[in-house]
PDB file of N, CA and C in Angstrom:
ATOM      1  N   UNK A   1       0.836  -1.178   0.000  1.00  0.00           N
ATOM      2  CA  UNK A   1       0.000   0.000   0.000  1.00  0.00           C
ATOM      3  C   UNK A   1       0.883   1.245   0.000  1.00  0.00           C
ATOM      4  N   UNK A   2       2.015   1.193   0.703  1.00  0.00           N
ATOM      5  CA  UNK A   2       2.907   2.346   0.740  1.00  0.00           C
ATOM      6  C   UNK A   2       3.447   2.647  -0.649  1.00  0.00           C
ATOM      7  N   UNK A   3       3.691   1.578  -1.430  1.00  0.00           N
ATOM      8  CA  UNK A   3       4.180   1.761  -2.794  1.00  0.00           C
ATOM      9  C   UNK A   3       3.157   2.519  -3.647  1.00  0.00           C
ATOM     10  N   UNK A   4       1.878   2.238  -3.518  1.00  0.00           N
ATOM     11  CA  UNK A   4       0.826   2.923  -4.272  1.00  0.00           C
ATOM     12  C   UNK A   4       0.751   4.389  -3.916  1.00  0.00           C
ATOM     13  N   UNK A   5       0.867   4.724  -2.635  1.00  0.00           N
ATOM     14  CA  UNK A   5       0.836   6.126  -2.213  1.00  0.00           C
ATOM     15  C   UNK A   5       2.032   6.889  -2.769  1.00  0.00           C
ATOM     16  N   UNK A   6       3.175   6.204  -2.825  1.00  0.00           N
ATOM     17  CA  UNK A   6       4.386   6.830  -3.359  1.00  0.00           C
ATOM     18  C   UNK A   6       4.180   7.183  -4.843  1.00  0.00           C
ATOM     19  N   UNK A   7       3.566   6.296  -5.611  1.00  0.00           N
ATOM     20  CA  UNK A   7       3.301   6.547  -7.033  1.00  0.00           C
ATOM     21  C   UNK A   7       2.353   7.717  -7.209  1.00  0.00           C
ATOM     22  N   UNK A   8       1.333   7.780  -6.336  1.00  0.00           N
ATOM     23  CA  UNK A   8       0.399   8.904  -6.408  1.00  0.00           C
ATOM     24  C   UNK A   8       1.115  10.223  -6.122  1.00  0.00           C
ATOM     25  N   UNK A   9       2.050  10.193  -5.167  1.00  0.00           N
ATOM     26  CA  UNK A   9       2.808  11.398  -4.836  1.00  0.00           C
ATOM     27  C   UNK A   9       3.650  11.873  -6.005  1.00  0.00           C
ATOM     28  N   UNK A  10       4.289  10.931  -6.713  1.00  0.00           N
ATOM     29  CA  UNK A  10       5.092  11.296  -7.881  1.00  0.00           C
ATOM     30  C   UNK A  10       4.224  11.857  -8.994  1.00  0.00           C
ATOM     31  N   UNK A  11       3.050  11.302  -9.172  1.00  0.00           N
ATOM     32  CA  UNK A  11       2.125  11.823 -10.189  1.00  0.00           C
ATOM     33  C   UNK A  11       1.707  13.257  -9.847  1.00  0.00           C
ATOM     34  N   UNK A  12       1.454  13.519  -8.571  1.00  0.00           N
ATOM     35  CA  UNK A  12       1.054  14.861  -8.144  1.00  0.00           C
ATOM     36  C   UNK A  12       2.177  15.858  -8.401  1.00  0.00           C
ATOM     37  N   UNK A  13       3.414  15.454  -8.101  1.00  0.00           N
ATOM     38  CA  UNK A  13       4.561  16.341  -8.337  1.00  0.00           C
ATOM     39  C   UNK A  13       4.714  16.603  -9.838  1.00  0.00           C
ATOM     40  N   UNK A  14       4.559  15.573 -10.650  1.00  0.00           N
ATOM     41  CA  UNK A  14       4.676  15.743 -12.101  1.00  0.00           C
ATOM     42  C   UNK A  14       3.608  16.700 -12.624  1.00  0.00           C
ATOM     43  N   UNK A  15       2.395  16.582 -12.119  1.00  0.00           N
ATOM     44  CA  UNK A  15       1.320  17.482 -12.537  1.00  0.00           C
ATOM     45  C   UNK A  15       1.627  18.921 -12.132  1.00  0.00           C
ATOM     46  N   UNK A  16       2.170  19.117 -10.942  1.00  0.00           N
ATOM     47  CA  UNK A  16       2.502  20.464 -10.479  1.00  0.00           C
ATOM     48  C   UNK A  16       3.567  21.081 -11.382  1.00  0.00           C
ATOM     49  N   UNK A  17       4.547  20.275 -11.804  1.00  0.00           N
ATOM     50  CA  UNK A  17       5.600  20.787 -12.674  1.00  0.00           C
ATOM     51  C   UNK A  17       5.042  21.235 -14.026  1.00  0.00           C
ATOM     52  N   UNK A  18       3.997  20.580 -14.481  1.00  0.00           N
ATOM     53  CA  UNK A  18       3.366  21.009 -15.723  1.00  0.00           C
ATOM     54  C   UNK A  18       2.792  22.414 -15.603  1.00  0.00           C
ATOM     55  N   UNK A  19       2.289  22.747 -14.438  1.00  0.00           N
ATOM     56  CA  UNK A  19       1.671  24.058 -14.232  1.00  0.00           C
ATOM     57  C   UNK A  19       2.687  25.137 -13.911  1.00  0.00           C
ATOM     58  N   UNK A  20       3.914  24.795 -13.572  1.00  0.00           N
ATOM     59  CA  UNK A  20       4.942  25.772 -13.251  1.00  0.00           C
ATOM     60  C   UNK A  20       6.053  25.654 -14.284  1.00  0.00           C
ATOM     61  N   UNK A  21       5.679  25.760 -15.529  1.00  0.00           N
ATOM     62  CA  UNK A  21       6.644  25.657 -16.612  1.00  0.00           C
ATOM     63  C   UNK A  21       7.186  27.042 -16.960  1.00  0.00           C
ATOM     64  N   UNK A  22       8.262  27.112 -17.728  1.00  0.00           N
ATOM     65  CA  UNK A  22       8.777  28.420 -18.163  1.00  0.00           C
ATOM     66  C   UNK A  22       7.728  29.233 -18.910  1.00  0.00           C
ATOM     67  N   UNK A  23       6.838  28.553 -19.653  1.00  0.00           N
ATOM     68  CA  UNK A  23       5.798  29.287 -20.369  1.00  0.00           C
ATOM     69  C   UNK A  23       4.879  30.013 -19.403  1.00  0.00           C
ATOM     70  N   UNK A  24       4.568  29.373 -18.272  1.00  0.00           N
ATOM     71  CA  UNK A  24       3.695  29.998 -17.283  1.00  0.00           C
ATOM     72  C   UNK A  24       4.353  31.243 -16.716  1.00  0.00           C
ATOM     73  N   UNK A  25       5.642  31.157 -16.399  1.00  0.00           N
ATOM     74  CA  UNK A  25       6.305  32.337 -15.836  1.00  0.00           C
ATOM     75  C   UNK A  25       6.426  33.437 -16.881  1.00  0.00           C
ATOM     76  N   UNK A  26       6.557  33.077 -18.153  1.00  0.00           N
ATOM     77  CA  UNK A  26       6.646  34.097 -19.206  1.00  0.00           C
ATOM     78  C   UNK A  26       5.334  34.851 -19.332  1.00  0.00           C
ATOM     79  N   UNK A  27       4.211  34.134 -19.195  1.00  0.00           N
ATOM     80  CA  UNK A  27       2.932  34.820 -19.314  1.00  0.00           C
ATOM     81  C   UNK A  27       2.635  35.662 -18.091  1.00  0.00           C
ATOM     82  N   UNK A  28       3.334  35.411 -16.993  1.00  0.00           N
ATOM     83  CA  UNK A  28       3.132  36.203 -15.782  1.00  0.00           C
ATOM     84  C   UNK A  28       3.837  37.556 -15.887  1.00  0.00           C
ATOM     85  N   UNK A  29       4.754  37.712 -16.829  1.00  0.00           N
ATOM     86  CA  UNK A  29       5.446  38.981 -17.011  1.00  0.00           C
ATOM     87  C   UNK A  29       4.448  40.040 -17.454  1.00  0.00           C
ATOM     88  N   UNK A  30       4.750  41.263 -17.089  1.00  0.00           N
ATOM     89  CA  UNK A  30       3.878  42.355 -17.513  1.00  0.00           C
ATOM     90  C   UNK A  30       4.121  42.659 -18.982  1.00  0.00           C
ATOM     91  N   UNK A  31       3.068  42.705 -19.784  1.00  0.00           N
ATOM     92  CA  UNK A  31       3.255  43.037 -21.194  1.00  0.00           C
ATOM     93  C   UNK A  31       3.618  44.514 -21.350  1.00  0.00           C
ATOM     94  N   UNK A  32       4.314  44.822 -22.421  1.00  0.00           N
ATOM     95  CA  UNK A  32       4.649  46.222 -22.697  1.00  0.00           C
ATOM     96  C   UNK A  32       3.362  46.997 -22.966  1.00  0.00           C
ATOM     97  N   UNK A  33       3.368  48.270 -22.556  1.00  0.00           N
ATOM     98  CA  UNK A  33       2.208  49.135 -22.751  1.00  0.00           C
ATOM     99  C   UNK A  33       2.565  50.256 -23.712  1.00  0.00           C
ATOM    100  N   UNK A  34       1.532  50.876 -24.245  1.00  0.00           N
ATOM    101  CA  UNK A  34       1.698  52.067 -25.063  1.00  0.00           C
ATOM    102  C   UNK A  34       1.103  53.245 -24.304  1.00  0.00           C
ATOM    103  N   UNK A  35       1.886  54.302 -24.164  1.00  0.00           N
ATOM    104  CA  UNK A  35       1.462  55.523 -23.479  1.00  0.00           C
ATOM    105  C   UNK A  35       1.412  56.652 -24.508  1.00  0.00           C
ATOM    106  N   UNK A  36       0.543  57.608 -24.293  1.00  0.00           N
ATOM    107  CA  UNK A  36       0.394  58.720 -25.228  1.00  0.00           C
ATOM    108  C   UNK A  36       0.669  60.041 -24.511  1.00  0.00           C
ATOM    109  N   UNK A  37       1.464  60.881 -25.150  1.00  0.00           N
ATOM    110  CA  UNK A  37       1.677  62.251 -24.687  1.00  0.00           C
ATOM    111  C   UNK A  37       1.221  63.169 -25.817  1.00  0.00           C
ATOM    112  N   UNK A  38       0.268  64.020 -25.506  1.00  0.00           N
ATOM    113  CA  UNK A  38      -0.273  64.953 -26.487  1.00  0.00           C
ATOM    114  C   UNK A  38       0.431  66.296 -26.323  1.00  0.00           C
ATOM    115  N   UNK A  39       0.845  66.867 -27.450  1.00  0.00           N
ATOM    116  CA  UNK A  39       1.477  68.178 -27.468  1.00  0.00           C
ATOM    117  C   UNK A  39       0.437  69.175 -27.967  1.00  0.00           C
ATOM    118  N   UNK A  40       0.254  70.263 -27.221  1.00  0.00           N
ATOM    119  CA  UNK A  40      -0.703  71.287 -27.623  1.00  0.00           C
ATOM    120  C   UNK A  40      -0.530  72.541 -26.804  1.00  0.00           C
ATOM    121  N   UNK A  41      -0.932  73.671 -27.347  1.00  0.00           N
ATOM    122  CA  UNK A  41      -0.812  74.960 -26.649  1.00  0.00           C
ATOM    123  C   UNK A  41       0.608  75.206 -26.159  1.00  0.00           C
ATOM    124  N   UNK A  42       1.567  74.884 -27.008  1.00  0.00           N
ATOM    125  CA  UNK A  42       2.991  75.073 -26.698  1.00  0.00           C
ATOM    126  C   UNK A  42       3.416  74.395 -25.393  1.00  0.00           C
ATOM    127  N   UNK A  43       2.876  73.196 -25.141  1.00  0.00           N
ATOM    128  CA  UNK A  43       3.294  72.428 -23.957  1.00  0.00           C
ATOM    129  C   UNK A  43       3.088  70.939 -24.199  1.00  0.00           C
ATOM    130  N   UNK A  44       3.829  70.144 -23.435  1.00  0.00           N
ATOM    131  CA  UNK A  44       3.641  68.707 -23.445  1.00  0.00           C
ATOM    132  C   UNK A  44       2.500  68.389 -22.496  1.00  0.00           C
ATOM    133  N   UNK A  45       1.666  67.437 -22.885  1.00  0.00           N
ATOM    134  CA  UNK A  45       0.536  67.035 -22.055  1.00  0.00           C
ATOM    135  C   UNK A  45       0.968  66.201 -20.867  1.00  0.00           C
ATOM    136  N   UNK A  46      -0.018  65.619 -20.218  1.00  0.00           N
ATOM    137  CA  UNK A  46       0.189  64.835 -19.000  1.00  0.00           C
ATOM    138  C   UNK A  46       1.213  63.726 -19.213  1.00  0.00           C
ATOM    139  N   UNK A  47       2.042  63.569 -18.196  1.00  0.00           N
ATOM    140  CA  UNK A  47       3.062  62.520 -18.204  1.00  0.00           C
ATOM    141  C   UNK A  47       2.417  61.210 -17.776  1.00  0.00           C
ATOM    142  N   UNK A  48       2.658  60.134 -18.515  1.00  0.00           N
ATOM    143  CA  UNK A  48       2.058  58.859 -18.137  1.00  0.00           C
ATOM    144  C   UNK A  48       2.653  58.294 -16.850  1.00  0.00           C
ATOM    145  N   UNK A  49       1.840  57.546 -16.116  1.00  0.00           N
ATOM    146  CA  UNK A  49       2.302  56.851 -14.910  1.00  0.00           C
ATOM    147  C   UNK A  49       2.737  55.443 -15.277  1.00  0.00           C
ATOM    148  N   UNK A  50       3.524  54.851 -14.425  1.00  0.00           N
ATOM    149  CA  UNK A  50       3.908  53.438 -14.550  1.00  0.00           C
ATOM    150  C   UNK A  50       4.576  53.106 -15.876  1.00  0.00           C
ATOM    151  N   UNK A  51       5.496  53.931 -16.317  1.00  0.00           N
ATOM    152  CA  UNK A  51       6.238  53.643 -17.540  1.00  0.00           C
ATOM    153  C   UNK A  51       7.373  52.684 -17.185  1.00  0.00           C
ATOM    154  N   UNK A  52       7.494  51.625 -17.966  1.00  0.00           N
ATOM    155  CA  UNK A  52       8.510  50.605 -17.731  1.00  0.00           C
ATOM    156  C   UNK A  52       9.387  50.438 -18.974  1.00  0.00           C
ATOM    157  N   UNK A  53      10.583  49.930 -18.762  1.00  0.00           N
ATOM    158  CA  UNK A  53      11.476  49.639 -19.878  1.00  0.00           C
ATOM    159  C   UNK A  53      10.739  48.714 -20.845  1.00  0.00           C
ATOM    160  N   UNK A  54      10.792  49.036 -22.122  1.00  0.00           N
ATOM    161  CA  UNK A  54      10.113  48.248 -23.147  1.00  0.00           C
ATOM    162  C   UNK A  54       8.771  48.830 -23.571  1.00  0.00           C
ATOM    163  N   UNK A  55       8.241  49.762 -22.783  1.00  0.00           N
ATOM    164  CA  UNK A  55       6.983  50.420 -23.150  1.00  0.00           C
ATOM    165  C   UNK A  55       7.225  51.367 -24.325  1.00  0.00           C
ATOM    166  N   UNK A  56       6.156  51.653 -25.045  1.00  0.00           N
ATOM    167  CA  UNK A  56       6.198  52.597 -26.160  1.00  0.00           C
ATOM    168  C   UNK A  56       5.521  53.897 -25.749  1.00  0.00           C
ATOM    169  N   UNK A  57       6.125  55.008 -26.119  1.00  0.00           N
ATOM    170  CA  UNK A  57       5.497  56.311 -25.908  1.00  0.00           C
ATOM    171  C   UNK A  57       5.173  56.878 -27.285  1.00  0.00           C
ATOM    172  N   UNK A  58       3.901  57.200 -27.484  1.00  0.00           N
ATOM    173  CA  UNK A  58       3.444  57.820 -28.727  1.00  0.00           C
ATOM    174  C   UNK A  58       3.259  59.307 -28.438  1.00  0.00           C
ATOM    175  N   UNK A  59       3.862  60.139 -29.248  1.00  0.00           N
ATOM    176  CA  UNK A  59       3.774  61.589 -29.126  1.00  0.00           C
ATOM    177  C   UNK A  59       2.866  62.082 -30.241  1.00  0.00           C
ATOM    178  N   UNK A  60       1.815  62.830 -29.899  1.00  0.00           N
ATOM    179  CA  UNK A  60       0.872  63.347 -30.888  1.00  0.00           C
ATOM    180  C   UNK A  60       0.878  64.870 -30.812  1.00  0.00           C
ATOM    181  N   UNK A  61       1.164  65.513 -31.936  1.00  0.00           N
ATOM    182  CA  UNK A  61       1.197  66.971 -31.974  1.00  0.00           C
ATOM    183  C   UNK A  61      -0.170  67.499 -32.427  1.00  0.00           C
ATOM    184  N   UNK A  62      -0.924  68.040 -31.485  1.00  0.00           N
ATOM    185  CA  UNK A  62      -2.228  68.640 -31.806  1.00  0.00           C
ATOM    186  C   UNK A  62      -2.141  70.165 -31.818  1.00  0.00           C
ATOM    187  N   UNK A  63      -0.931  70.669 -31.873  1.00  0.00           N
ATOM    188  CA  UNK A  63      -0.697  72.110 -31.896  1.00  0.00           C
ATOM    189  C   UNK A  63      -0.632  72.585 -33.346  1.00  0.00           C
ATOM    190  N   UNK A  64      -0.682  73.907 -33.526  1.00  0.00           N
ATOM    191  CA  UNK A  64      -0.546  74.472 -34.874  1.00  0.00           C
ATOM    192  C   UNK A  64       0.916  74.708 -35.238  1.00  0.00           C
ATOM    193  N   UNK A  65       1.810  74.477 -34.261  1.00  0.00           N
ATOM    194  CA  UNK A  65       3.242  74.685 -34.458  1.00  0.00           C
ATOM    195  C   UNK A  65       3.969  73.349 -34.563  1.00  0.00           C
ATOM    196  N   UNK A  66       5.099  73.363 -35.252  1.00  0.00           N
ATOM    197  CA  UNK A  66       5.977  72.198 -35.313  1.00  0.00           C
ATOM    198  C   UNK A  66       6.731  72.080 -33.985  1.00  0.00           C
ATOM    199  N   UNK A  67       6.885  70.859 -33.490  1.00  0.00           N
ATOM    200  CA  UNK A  67       7.598  70.597 -32.239  1.00  0.00           C
ATOM    201  C   UNK A  67       8.504  69.389 -32.406  1.00  0.00           C
ATOM    202  N   UNK A  68       9.348  69.187 -31.416  1.00  0.00           N
ATOM    203  CA  UNK A  68      10.103  67.939 -31.312  1.00  0.00           C
ATOM    204  C   UNK A  68       9.878  67.371 -29.925  1.00  0.00           C
ATOM    205  N   UNK A  69      10.074  66.097 -29.811  1.00  0.00           N
ATOM    206  CA  UNK A  69      10.205  65.433 -28.508  1.00  0.00           C
ATOM    207  C   UNK A  69      11.622  64.898 -28.525  1.00  0.00           C
ATOM    208  N   UNK A  70      12.492  65.574 -27.795  1.00  0.00           N
ATOM    209  CA  UNK A  70      13.919  65.294 -27.844  1.00  0.00           C
ATOM    210  C   UNK A  70      14.420  64.922 -26.460  1.00  0.00           C
ATOM    211  N   UNK A  71      15.024  63.753 -26.343  1.00  0.00           N
ATOM    212  CA  UNK A  71      15.567  63.306 -25.051  1.00  0.00           C
ATOM    213  C   UNK A  71      16.892  64.013 -24.787  1.00  0.00           C
ATOM    214  N   UNK A  72      17.075  64.460 -23.568  1.00  0.00           N
ATOM    215  CA  UNK A  72      18.337  65.120 -23.207  1.00  0.00           C
ATOM    216  C   UNK A  72      19.520  64.157 -23.277  1.00  0.00           C
ATOM    217  N   UNK A  73      19.249  62.840 -23.135  1.00  0.00           N
ATOM    218  CA  UNK A  73      20.333  61.859 -23.223  1.00  0.00           C
ATOM    219  C   UNK A  73      20.534  61.367 -24.667  1.00  0.00           C
ATOM    220  N   UNK A  74      19.875  62.028 -25.620  1.00  0.00           N
ATOM    221  CA  UNK A  74      19.984  61.709 -27.050  1.00  0.00           C
ATOM    222  C   UNK A  74      19.442  60.338 -27.425  1.00  0.00           C
ATOM    223  N   UNK A  75      18.602  59.747 -26.586  1.00  0.00           N
ATOM    224  CA  UNK A  75      18.052  58.425 -26.906  1.00  0.00           C
ATOM    225  C   UNK A  75      16.952  58.501 -27.966  1.00  0.00           C
ATOM    226  N   UNK A  76      16.359  59.669 -28.158  1.00  0.00           N
ATOM    227  CA  UNK A  76      15.400  59.868 -29.249  1.00  0.00           C
ATOM    228  C   UNK A  76      15.298  61.347 -29.567  1.00  0.00           C
ATOM    229  N   UNK A  77      14.894  61.639 -30.802  1.00  0.00           N
ATOM    230  CA  UNK A  77      14.671  63.003 -31.266  1.00  0.00           C
ATOM    231  C   UNK A  77      13.600  62.922 -32.347  1.00  0.00           C
ATOM    232  N   UNK A  78      12.371  63.166 -31.976  1.00  0.00           N
ATOM    233  CA  UNK A  78      11.229  62.995 -32.868  1.00  0.00           C
ATOM    234  C   UNK A  78      10.748  64.355 -33.370  1.00  0.00           C
ATOM    235  N   UNK A  79      10.650  64.505 -34.672  1.00  0.00           N
ATOM    236  CA  UNK A  79      10.173  65.738 -35.290  1.00  0.00           C
ATOM    237  C   UNK A  79       8.669  65.595 -35.515  1.00  0.00           C
ATOM    238  N   UNK A  80       7.900  66.528 -34.971  1.00  0.00           N
ATOM    239  CA  UNK A  80       6.440  66.441 -35.011  1.00  0.00           C
ATOM    240  C   UNK A  80       5.847  67.662 -35.708  1.00  0.00           C
ATOM    241  N   UNK A  81       5.530  67.502 -36.974  1.00  0.00           N
ATOM    242  CA  UNK A  81       4.812  68.560 -37.695  1.00  0.00           C
ATOM    243  C   UNK A  81       3.403  68.659 -37.104  1.00  0.00           C
ATOM    244  N   UNK A  82       2.701  69.771 -37.320  1.00  0.00           N
ATOM    245  CA  UNK A  82       1.324  69.856 -36.829  1.00  0.00           C
ATOM    246  C   UNK A  82       0.486  68.671 -37.321  1.00  0.00           C
ATOM    247  N   UNK A  83      -0.204  68.023 -36.409  1.00  0.00           N
ATOM    248  CA  UNK A  83      -1.035  66.867 -36.742  1.00  0.00           C
ATOM    249  C   UNK A  83      -0.292  65.543 -36.817  1.00  0.00           C
ATOM    250  N   UNK A  84       1.023  65.579 -36.690  1.00  0.00           N
ATOM    251  CA  UNK A  84       1.820  64.350 -36.814  1.00  0.00           C
ATOM    252  C   UNK A  84       1.929  63.610 -35.488  1.00  0.00           C
ATOM    253  N   UNK A  85       2.328  62.356 -35.594  1.00  0.00           N
ATOM    254  CA  UNK A  85       2.646  61.584 -34.396  1.00  0.00           C
ATOM    255  C   UNK A  85       3.868  60.733 -34.687  1.00  0.00           C
ATOM    256  N   UNK A  86       4.585  60.381 -33.631  1.00  0.00           N
ATOM    257  CA  UNK A  86       5.769  59.528 -33.730  1.00  0.00           C
ATOM    258  C   UNK A  86       5.873  58.764 -32.417  1.00  0.00           C
ATOM    259  N   UNK A  87       6.700  57.747 -32.412  1.00  0.00           N
ATOM    260  CA  UNK A  87       6.815  56.949 -31.197  1.00  0.00           C
ATOM    261  C   UNK A  87       8.248  56.546 -30.926  1.00  0.00           C
ATOM    262  N   UNK A  88       8.489  56.194 -29.675  1.00  0.00           N
ATOM    263  CA  UNK A  88       9.779  55.686 -29.257  1.00  0.00           C
ATOM    264  C   UNK A  88       9.554  54.601 -28.210  1.00  0.00           C
ATOM    265  N   UNK A  89      10.478  53.664 -28.135  1.00  0.00           N
ATOM    266  CA  UNK A  89      10.428  52.607 -27.127  1.00  0.00           C
ATOM    267  C   UNK A  89      11.418  52.962 -26.031  1.00  0.00           C
ATOM    268  N   UNK A  90      10.963  52.904 -24.780  1.00  0.00           N
ATOM    269  CA  UNK A  90      11.808  53.246 -23.634  1.00  0.00           C
ATOM    270  C   UNK A  90      12.808  52.114 -23.416  1.00  0.00           C
ATOM    271  N   UNK A  91      14.094  52.481 -23.312  1.00  0.00           N
ATOM    272  CA  UNK A  91      15.140  51.459 -23.259  1.00  0.00           C
ATOM    273  C   UNK A  91      15.866  51.339 -21.938  1.00  0.00           C
ATOM    274  N   UNK A  92      15.707  52.316 -21.015  1.00  0.00           N
ATOM    275  CA  UNK A  92      16.440  52.205 -19.748  1.00  0.00           C
ATOM    276  C   UNK A  92      15.668  52.856 -18.612  1.00  0.00           C
ATOM    277  N   UNK A  93      16.009  52.456 -17.400  1.00  0.00           N
ATOM    278  CA  UNK A  93      15.347  52.997 -16.220  1.00  0.00           C
ATOM    279  C   UNK A  93      15.919  54.370 -15.870  1.00  0.00           C
ATOM    280  N   UNK A  94      15.196  55.078 -15.020  1.00  0.00           N
ATOM    281  CA  UNK A  94      15.650  56.381 -14.547  1.00  0.00           C
ATOM    282  C   UNK A  94      14.685  57.475 -14.957  1.00  0.00           C
ATOM    283  N   UNK A  95      15.149  58.697 -14.822  1.00  0.00           N
ATOM    284  CA  UNK A  95      14.355  59.858 -15.220  1.00  0.00           C
ATOM    285  C   UNK A  95      14.652  60.166 -16.684  1.00  0.00           C
ATOM    286  N   UNK A  96      13.622  60.191 -17.486  1.00  0.00           N
ATOM    287  CA  UNK A  96      13.738  60.498 -18.908  1.00  0.00           C
ATOM    288  C   UNK A  96      13.349  61.964 -19.086  1.00  0.00           C
ATOM    289  N   UNK A  97      14.368  62.801 -19.276  1.00  0.00           N
ATOM    290  CA  UNK A  97      14.185  64.250 -19.480  1.00  0.00           C
ATOM    291  C   UNK A  97      14.015  64.510 -20.971  1.00  0.00           C
ATOM    292  N   UNK A  98      13.019  65.306 -21.339  1.00  0.00           N
ATOM    293  CA  UNK A  98      12.834  65.633 -22.746  1.00  0.00           C
ATOM    294  C   UNK A  98      12.425  67.097 -22.899  1.00  0.00           C
ATOM    295  N   UNK A  99      12.558  67.606 -24.130  1.00  0.00           N
ATOM    296  CA  UNK A  99      12.247  69.008 -24.421  1.00  0.00           C
ATOM    297  C   UNK A  99      11.937  69.149 -25.905  1.00  0.00           C
ATOM    298  N   UNK A 100      11.495  70.341 -26.299  1.00  0.00           N
ATOM    299  CA  UNK A 100      11.279  70.669 -27.710  1.00  0.00           C
ATOM    300  C   UNK A 100      12.454  71.527 -28.179  1.00  0.00           C
ATOM    301  N   UNK A 101      13.134  71.101 -29.238  1.00  0.00           N
ATOM    302  CA  UNK A 101      14.270  71.871 -29.754  1.00  0.00           C
ATOM    303  C   UNK A 101      13.856  73.245 -30.257  1.00  0.00           C
ATOM    304  N   UNK A 102      12.629  73.377 -30.762  1.00  0.00           N
ATOM    305  CA  UNK A 102      12.155  74.657 -31.286  1.00  0.00           C
ATOM    306  C   UNK A 102      11.644  75.584 -30.192  1.00  0.00           C
ATOM    307  N   UNK A 103      11.230  75.033 -29.086  1.00  0.00           N
ATOM    308  CA  UNK A 103      10.664  75.793 -27.961  1.00  0.00           C
ATOM    309  C   UNK A 103      11.279  75.248 -26.667  1.00  0.00           C
ATOM    310  N   UNK A 104      12.515  75.656 -26.334  1.00  0.00           N
ATOM    311  CA  UNK A 104      13.255  75.070 -25.217  1.00  0.00           C
ATOM    312  C   UNK A 104      12.553  75.173 -23.861  1.00  0.00           C
ATOM    313  N   UNK A 105      11.571  76.062 -23.749  1.00  0.00           N
ATOM    314  CA  UNK A 105      10.809  76.151 -22.497  1.00  0.00           C
ATOM    315  C   UNK A 105       9.832  74.994 -22.324  1.00  0.00           C
ATOM    316  N   UNK A 106       9.595  74.258 -23.393  1.00  0.00           N
ATOM    317  CA  UNK A 106       8.727  73.077 -23.321  1.00  0.00           C
ATOM    318  C   UNK A 106       9.583  71.900 -22.846  1.00  0.00           C
ATOM    319  N   UNK A 107       9.333  71.441 -21.636  1.00  0.00           N
ATOM    320  CA  UNK A 107      10.117  70.344 -21.067  1.00  0.00           C
ATOM    321  C   UNK A 107       9.200  69.349 -20.365  1.00  0.00           C
ATOM    322  N   UNK A 108       9.754  68.205 -20.090  1.00  0.00           N
ATOM    323  CA  UNK A 108       9.022  67.198 -19.334  1.00  0.00           C
ATOM    324  C   UNK A 108       9.959  66.133 -18.808  1.00  0.00           C
ATOM    325  N   UNK A 109       9.445  65.350 -17.856  1.00  0.00           N
ATOM    326  CA  UNK A 109      10.218  64.259 -17.268  1.00  0.00           C
ATOM    327  C   UNK A 109       9.296  63.074 -17.054  1.00  0.00           C
ATOM    328  N   UNK A 110       9.819  61.906 -17.365  1.00  0.00           N
ATOM    329  CA  UNK A 110       9.088  60.659 -17.130  1.00  0.00           C
ATOM    330  C   UNK A 110       9.970  59.766 -16.270  1.00  0.00           C
ATOM    331  N   UNK A 111       9.392  59.199 -15.240  1.00  0.00           N
ATOM    332  CA  UNK A 111      10.103  58.239 -14.403  1.00  0.00           C
ATOM    333  C   UNK A 111       9.885  56.845 -14.987  1.00  0.00           C
ATOM    334  N   UNK A 112      10.986  56.179 -15.319  1.00  0.00           N
ATOM    335  CA  UNK A 112      10.916  54.854 -15.937  1.00  0.00           C
ATOM    336  C   UNK A 112      11.472  53.816 -14.962  1.00  0.00           C
ATOM    337  N   UNK A 113      10.704  52.759 -14.747  1.00  0.00           N
ATOM    338  CA  UNK A 113      11.134  51.690 -13.842  1.00  0.00           C
ATOM    339  C   UNK A 113      11.346  50.406 -14.624  1.00  0.00           C
ATOM    340  N   UNK A 114      11.961  49.464 -13.963  1.00  0.00           N
ATOM    341  CA  UNK A 114      12.281  48.161 -14.552  1.00  0.00           C
ATOM    342  C   UNK A 114      11.006  47.353 -14.780  1.00  0.00           C
ATOM    343  N   UNK A 115      10.962  46.604 -15.864  1.00  0.00           N
ATOM    344  CA  UNK A 115       9.830  45.720 -16.145  1.00  0.00           C
ATOM    345  C   UNK A 115       9.874  44.564 -15.166  1.00  0.00           C
ATOM    346  N   UNK A 116       8.727  44.208 -14.608  1.00  0.00           N
ATOM    347  CA  UNK A 116       8.634  43.078 -13.691  1.00  0.00           C
ATOM    348  C   UNK A 116       8.817  41.791 -14.466  1.00  0.00           C
ATOM    349  N   UNK A 117       9.585  40.885 -13.912  1.00  0.00           N
ATOM    350  CA  UNK A 117       9.825  39.587 -14.567  1.00  0.00           C
ATOM    351  C   UNK A 117       8.920  38.563 -14.043  1.00  0.00           C
TER     352      UNK A 117
END
């Protein structure tokens, strides 16, 4: 009888391993998100919350003027004609400082954190 219980225990462990596979842990990772920053009235719109490495930021220019979204660390420099949009993928953690090359008073900062594994 002890031998039968031992076999049942091994079957239970094998079943548990099926549910804790690498695929399961991969699906538990947070998927990348897309965030939008609207440019208008000579200013950058609201800064998105919870930006993580790998997320995409879409910049939409709803102003009548041409603008840029330019990172101070040179990681991106997007030219935005009136009505245009462009995007960039966030590549590192920290404070992401950006500005408009045509209107240096237009600035913003995004806090970027590590993607949860």
